[in-house]
Protein backbone atom coordinates (compact mmCIF):
# COMPACT_ATOMS: atom_id res chain seq x y z
CA MET A 1 -0.28 -0.26 -0.18
CA VAL A 2 3.23 2.53 1.15
CA LYS A 3 4.65 1.71 -2.83
CA THR A 4 1.16 2.42 -4.09
CA ILE A 5 0.68 5.48 -2.48
CA LEU A 6 4.22 6.69 -3.50
CA MET A 7 3.46 5.46 -7.09
CA ILE A 8 0.50 7.73 -6.87
CA LYS A 9 2.01 10.98 -5.73
CA SER A 10 5.01 10.77 -8.25
CA ASP A 11 1.81 10.57 -11.17
CA TYR A 12 0.21 13.23 -9.36
CA LEU A 13 3.21 15.80 -8.91
CA LYS A 14 3.63 14.97 -12.48
CA PHE A 15 0.83 15.71 -13.50
CA LEU A 16 0.37 19.22 -11.72
CA LYS A 17 3.32 20.14 -13.27
CA LYS A 18 1.91 19.73 -16.67
CA GLN A 19 -0.88 22.34 -15.07
CA GLU A 20 0.99 24.75 -14.25
CA VAL A 21 1.80 27.87 -16.37
CA ALA A 22 4.76 30.38 -15.93
CA GLY A 23 4.95 32.54 -12.88
CA LYS A 24 1.26 30.74 -11.87
CA PRO A 25 2.24 28.10 -9.00
CA ILE A 26 0.13 25.10 -8.09
CA VAL A 27 0.12 25.71 -4.29
CA ASP A 28 -0.08 23.06 -1.15
CA LYS A 29 0.11 20.11 -3.80
CA VAL A 30 0.91 17.32 -1.36
CA VAL A 31 -1.94 18.99 1.69
CA LYS A 32 -4.22 18.82 -1.70
CA LEU A 33 -3.44 14.96 -2.10
CA ASN A 34 -4.01 14.22 1.40
CA LYS A 35 -6.76 16.52 2.30
CA LEU A 36 -8.80 16.06 -1.02
CA TYR A 37 -8.34 13.94 -3.52
CA LEU A 38 -7.19 10.50 -1.65
CA PRO A 39 -10.03 10.80 0.68
CA LEU A 40 -12.53 11.84 -2.02
CA SER A 41 -11.03 8.62 -4.00
CA GLN A 42 -11.99 6.70 -0.99
CA TRP A 43 -15.28 7.82 -1.05
CA ILE A 44 -16.58 7.17 -4.30
CA TYR A 45 -14.79 3.65 -3.96
CA SER A 46 -17.14 2.98 -1.26
CA VAL A 47 -20.11 4.14 -3.09
CA TYR A 48 -18.99 1.72 -5.94
CA LYS A 49 -18.31 -1.39 -3.62
CA LYS A 50 -21.50 -1.32 -2.43
CA ASN A 51 -22.85 -3.47 -4.98
CA ASN A 52 -19.73 -3.37 -7.64
CA LYS A 53 -22.12 -1.84 -10.53
CA THR A 54 -21.12 1.15 -12.70
CA LYS A 55 -21.85 4.13 -10.92
CA ILE A 56 -22.07 7.34 -11.95
CA ILE A 57 -20.74 10.46 -9.53
CA GLY A 58 -22.09 13.63 -10.69
CA LEU A 59 -19.32 16.63 -10.23
CA ALA A 60 -20.39 20.03 -9.77
CA GLY A 61 -19.28 23.39 -8.75
CA GLY A 62 -18.72 27.23 -10.95
CA GLN A 63 -16.55 27.54 -13.55
CA GLY A 64 -12.60 27.08 -12.80
CA ALA A 65 -13.47 25.55 -9.26
CA GLY A 66 -10.92 22.83 -10.49
CA LYS A 67 -13.21 20.21 -11.79
CA SER A 68 -11.41 19.08 -14.84
CA THR A 69 -7.79 19.26 -12.62
CA ILE A 70 -10.06 16.69 -9.85
CA THR A 71 -11.59 14.10 -13.03
CA GLY A 72 -7.39 14.20 -14.52
CA ILE A 73 -6.12 13.29 -10.78
CA LEU A 74 -8.85 10.36 -9.53
CA LYS A 75 -8.51 8.57 -13.35
CA PHE A 76 -5.05 7.38 -12.48
CA ILE A 77 -5.57 7.14 -8.28
CA PHE A 78 -8.36 4.45 -9.51
CA LYS A 79 -6.20 3.00 -11.93
CA LYS A 80 -3.32 2.51 -9.49
CA LYS A 81 -4.80 2.28 -6.14
CA TYR A 82 -8.68 0.04 -7.00
CA GLY A 83 -7.60 -1.30 -10.42
CA LEU A 84 -10.74 0.59 -11.42
CA ASN A 85 -12.13 2.42 -15.24
CA LEU A 86 -12.58 5.65 -14.37
CA CYS A 87 -14.52 7.44 -17.64
CA CYS A 88 -14.68 11.29 -16.83
CA PHE A 89 -16.57 13.66 -19.45
CA SER A 90 -17.83 16.92 -19.07
CA ILE A 91 -21.48 18.28 -19.93
CA ASP A 92 -19.51 21.29 -21.54
CA ASP A 93 -18.50 18.46 -24.18
CA PHE A 94 -22.13 18.24 -24.96
CA TYR A 95 -22.89 21.96 -26.03
CA LYS A 96 -25.46 21.94 -29.26
CA THR A 97 -23.45 22.80 -32.32
CA LYS A 98 -23.20 26.72 -33.32
CA ALA A 99 -26.07 25.84 -35.90
CA GLU A 100 -28.49 24.77 -34.09
CA ARG A 101 -28.06 27.07 -31.09
CA LYS A 102 -28.09 29.78 -34.12
CA LYS A 103 -31.03 28.06 -34.88
CA MET A 104 -32.59 28.06 -31.40
CA SER A 105 -32.08 32.17 -30.85
CA LYS A 106 -34.40 32.87 -33.37
CA LYS A 107 -36.87 30.07 -32.57
CA VAL A 108 -36.83 30.82 -28.50
CA HIS A 109 -34.51 33.78 -27.67
CA PRO A 110 -31.39 35.07 -28.95
CA LEU A 111 -30.02 34.74 -25.59
CA PHE A 112 -29.65 30.70 -26.70
CA LEU A 113 -27.35 31.54 -28.74
CA ILE A 114 -24.52 32.32 -26.31
CA ARG A 115 -23.66 28.03 -24.82
CA GLY A 116 -24.13 27.66 -21.22
CA VAL A 117 -27.42 27.60 -19.70
CA PRO A 118 -29.68 24.59 -19.63
CA GLY A 119 -30.96 24.43 -23.09
CA THR A 120 -28.07 24.48 -24.83
CA HIS A 121 -26.70 20.77 -24.39
CA ASP A 122 -27.61 18.21 -26.32
CA LEU A 123 -29.14 15.71 -23.60
CA GLY A 124 -30.41 13.26 -26.72
CA LEU A 125 -26.55 12.33 -27.04
CA ILE A 126 -25.76 12.78 -23.29
CA ASN A 127 -28.26 9.91 -22.51
CA LYS A 128 -27.78 8.00 -25.62
CA THR A 129 -23.71 8.02 -24.19
CA ILE A 130 -24.33 7.16 -20.95
CA ARG A 131 -26.63 4.27 -22.34
CA LYS A 132 -23.99 2.64 -24.37
CA LEU A 133 -21.17 3.41 -21.30
CA LYS A 134 -23.32 1.25 -19.12
CA SER A 135 -24.20 -1.32 -21.87
CA LYS A 136 -23.41 -5.33 -20.84
CA LYS A 137 -22.52 -5.73 -24.38
CA PHE A 138 -20.15 -2.88 -24.35
CA LYS A 139 -18.67 -1.77 -27.52
CA THR A 140 -16.32 1.17 -28.28
CA VAL A 141 -17.93 4.94 -27.37
CA LEU A 142 -16.92 8.10 -28.70
CA ILE A 143 -17.84 10.87 -26.48
CA PRO A 144 -17.81 14.55 -28.34
CA LYS A 145 -15.40 17.14 -27.59
CA PHE A 146 -16.41 20.77 -27.46
CA ASP A 147 -13.73 23.27 -28.62
CA LYS A 148 -14.53 26.63 -26.81
CA SER A 149 -11.82 28.66 -29.08
CA ILE A 150 -14.38 27.91 -32.17
CA ASP A 151 -17.32 27.56 -29.70
CA ASP A 152 -18.08 24.97 -31.75
CA ARG A 153 -18.27 21.14 -31.48
CA SER A 154 -15.01 19.10 -32.43
CA ARG A 155 -14.67 17.15 -35.12
CA LYS A 156 -15.24 13.24 -34.40
CA SER A 157 -11.42 12.38 -35.04
CA LYS A 158 -10.95 14.59 -31.63
CA TRP A 159 -13.11 13.01 -29.99
CA GLN A 160 -12.41 10.73 -26.58
CA LYS A 161 -12.76 7.11 -27.54
CA ILE A 162 -13.69 4.92 -24.67
CA LYS A 163 -12.72 1.34 -25.25
CA LYS A 164 -13.19 -0.43 -21.88
CA ARG A 165 -16.43 -0.84 -20.54
CA PRO A 166 -16.08 2.04 -17.35
CA ASP A 167 -16.48 0.84 -13.35
CA ILE A 168 -17.02 4.18 -12.84
CA ILE A 169 -18.47 7.49 -14.56
CA ILE A 170 -17.34 11.17 -13.32
CA PHE A 171 -20.00 13.68 -15.15
CA GLU A 172 -18.73 16.81 -14.26
CA GLY A 173 -20.18 20.25 -15.22
CA TRP A 174 -20.90 23.49 -13.58
CA CYS A 175 -24.83 22.74 -13.83
CA VAL A 176 -24.61 19.10 -12.64
CA GLY A 177 -27.18 18.00 -10.45
CA ALA A 178 -28.63 21.40 -10.25
CA ARG A 179 -32.68 22.37 -9.52
CA HIS A 180 -35.12 24.43 -11.05
CA GLN A 181 -35.70 28.07 -9.18
CA LYS A 182 -39.33 29.13 -7.84
CA ASP A 183 -41.45 31.13 -10.49
CA SER A 184 -41.15 34.02 -7.85
CA GLU A 185 -37.08 34.13 -7.56
CA LEU A 186 -37.23 34.36 -11.44
CA LYS A 187 -38.73 38.12 -11.41
CA ASN A 188 -36.13 40.13 -10.74
CA ALA A 189 -33.52 40.67 -13.16
CA LEU A 190 -30.15 39.68 -11.68
CA ASN A 191 -27.07 41.35 -13.93
CA TYR A 192 -27.26 43.64 -16.88
CA ILE A 193 -27.35 40.94 -19.53
CA GLU A 194 -31.28 39.70 -17.85
CA LYS A 195 -31.65 43.40 -17.65
CA LYS A 196 -30.93 44.68 -21.12
CA TYR A 197 -32.04 41.02 -22.84
CA ASP A 198 -34.90 39.23 -21.18
CA LEU A 199 -36.90 42.14 -20.05
CA ASN A 200 -39.66 39.48 -20.39
CA LEU A 201 -38.54 36.62 -18.53
CA VAL A 202 -38.66 34.23 -21.87
CA TRP A 203 -35.34 33.11 -21.53
CA ARG A 204 -35.24 32.54 -17.49
CA LYS A 205 -38.48 30.62 -17.90
CA THR A 206 -37.21 28.58 -20.58
CA VAL A 207 -34.02 27.48 -18.64
CA ASN A 208 -35.96 26.64 -15.76
CA TYR A 209 -38.30 24.58 -18.06
CA TYR A 210 -35.33 22.50 -19.28
CA LEU A 211 -33.92 22.24 -15.39
CA LYS A 212 -37.63 21.04 -14.08
CA ASN A 213 -37.92 18.71 -16.89
CA GLN A 214 -35.32 17.10 -19.45
CA TYR A 215 -32.53 18.36 -17.13
CA LYS A 216 -33.90 16.75 -13.88
CA LYS A 217 -34.68 13.30 -15.96
CA LEU A 218 -31.40 13.49 -16.71
CA PHE A 219 -29.60 14.34 -13.14
CA ASN A 220 -31.99 11.72 -11.79
CA LYS A 221 -29.33 8.85 -13.15
CA LEU A 222 -26.28 10.40 -10.61
CA ASP A 223 -25.84 7.90 -8.51
CA LYS A 224 -23.96 10.36 -5.80
CA LEU A 225 -23.51 14.09 -6.73
CA VAL A 226 -20.37 15.96 -5.32
CA TYR A 227 -20.21 19.67 -5.14
CA LEU A 228 -17.36 22.32 -5.14
CA LYS A 229 -18.05 25.28 -3.39
CA ALA A 230 -15.97 28.33 -3.89
CA PRO A 231 -15.76 31.34 -1.58
CA ASP A 232 -17.99 33.58 -3.24
CA PHE A 233 -19.48 34.07 -6.56
CA ASP A 234 -16.16 36.78 -6.90
CA TRP A 235 -13.90 34.26 -6.86
CA ILE A 236 -15.75 32.59 -9.59
CA PHE A 237 -15.12 35.09 -12.02
CA ARG A 238 -11.26 34.96 -10.88
CA TRP A 239 -11.20 31.84 -11.25
CA ARG A 240 -12.46 31.75 -14.91
CA LEU A 241 -10.25 34.68 -15.63
CA HIS A 242 -7.05 32.49 -14.38
CA GLN A 243 -8.17 29.88 -16.53
CA GLU A 244 -8.25 32.10 -19.59
CA GLN A 245 -5.44 33.12 -19.32
CA LYS A 246 -3.69 29.96 -18.81
CA MET A 247 -5.38 28.93 -22.25
CA LYS A 248 -3.33 32.49 -24.33
CA LEU A 249 -0.25 31.13 -22.08
CA THR A 250 -0.54 26.94 -23.39
CA SER A 251 -2.99 27.66 -26.86
CA LYS A 252 -1.31 29.33 -29.34
CA ASN A 253 -3.49 30.72 -32.38
CA LYS A 254 -6.12 29.69 -30.16
CA LYS A 255 -8.85 32.74 -29.31
CA THR A 256 -8.66 33.81 -26.17
CA MET A 257 -11.58 36.39 -23.71
CA SER A 258 -10.65 39.60 -22.40
CA LYS A 259 -11.08 40.52 -18.55
CA LEU A 260 -13.75 42.60 -19.54
CA GLU A 261 -15.78 39.37 -22.11
CA VAL A 262 -15.07 37.36 -19.08
CA LYS A 263 -16.69 39.11 -16.89
CA ASN A 264 -19.66 39.64 -19.60
CA PHE A 265 -19.43 35.88 -20.17
CA ILE A 266 -20.44 34.57 -16.37
CA MET A 267 -22.83 37.03 -16.68
CA TYR A 268 -25.19 34.21 -18.28
CA TYR A 269 -23.66 31.88 -15.70
CA GLU A 270 -24.55 33.47 -12.56
CA ARG A 271 -28.34 33.11 -11.87
CA LEU A 272 -27.81 29.22 -12.08
CA THR A 273 -24.23 29.41 -10.13
CA LYS A 274 -25.89 31.32 -7.10
CA HIS A 275 -28.51 29.40 -7.05
CA MET A 276 -26.44 26.23 -6.84
CA MET A 277 -24.65 27.81 -4.46
CA ARG A 278 -27.34 28.66 -1.85
CA ASP A 279 -28.79 24.71 -2.89
CA LEU A 280 -26.22 22.86 -2.07
CA LYS A 281 -27.63 20.95 0.81
CA ASN A 282 -30.26 19.67 -0.90
CA ILE A 283 -28.60 19.23 -4.37
CA SER A 284 -25.22 17.26 -3.01
CA ASP A 285 -23.96 14.13 -1.22
CA LEU A 286 -20.58 15.64 -0.46
CA THR A 287 -19.89 19.23 -0.43
CA ILE A 288 -16.03 20.41 -0.37
CA TYR A 289 -15.55 24.04 0.83
CA LEU A 290 -12.82 25.27 -1.09
CA ASP A 291 -10.83 28.43 -0.28
CA THR A 292 -9.24 30.86 -2.64
CA LYS A 293 -6.34 28.53 -3.48
CA HIS A 294 -8.02 25.35 -3.89
CA ARG A 295 -7.26 24.12 -0.78
CA SER A 296 -10.17 22.07 0.93
CA LYS A 297 -11.14 23.66 4.25
CA LYS A 298 -13.83 20.57 4.59
CA MET A 299 -15.88 17.93 3.59
CA ARG A 300 -19.79 17.85 4.60
CA PHE A 301 -21.34 15.11 3.66
CA TYR A 302 -25.35 14.72 3.57
């Protein structure tokens, strides 16, 4: 066991080294391994061991909370420590194509051109993918990839190939597990986008309708939900801005957003993100409270 932990630690440090960019080191790496990643993997393993059947674990949290990093780390922990296969994918990769959103923006509301909110995902494709991943007659499954730099789905040659039936599926995303709001909560505009472009509440009400119906059915497929709680919404903005700055340094020739563009962009996510931060006790089985440096302050089970 000691040897296994040392191997995990070695792989973990190599993985984080690749995530770091110039002048932006990741702090307290070993602390995070011991206080966040290993306890989280142990908890998920205990869920799986109840009947050894494929489990779907939802992982939610605001933009920049660290969902993609966590899934990358969990993958090799489960392989080395438990000998289990993890399949990880994001709800972001199932955004409707630009053409589909353009059609929706003309038919329903102009704000649906912008990816992000419930209604802009291809739920049929998500449900079909989950069915294939859990099938006893398993065949190679292709999981789409979304290229945010072109705001469109990547060509199939870039999709993720799952060649072996997973023991655990990590389904991550900023709105995974979210519940709809009461109609009375929709009335007051929350930010500039809602005040200027959603005067008659069509966008808000349509998003809420999707959450109450199609998304509820999808999220009911989750066996457990883990929620990453940011210190506050301001830190969601800072972390999302950091993501954009990192992409600018690491992805040459890819279009990135300015500080002002990021500020405007997260307004589309603001209502539901804040709602989830308030509603976490009702939606999550495990909430991980993060500090400003993405360290786990505490874990709370419900």
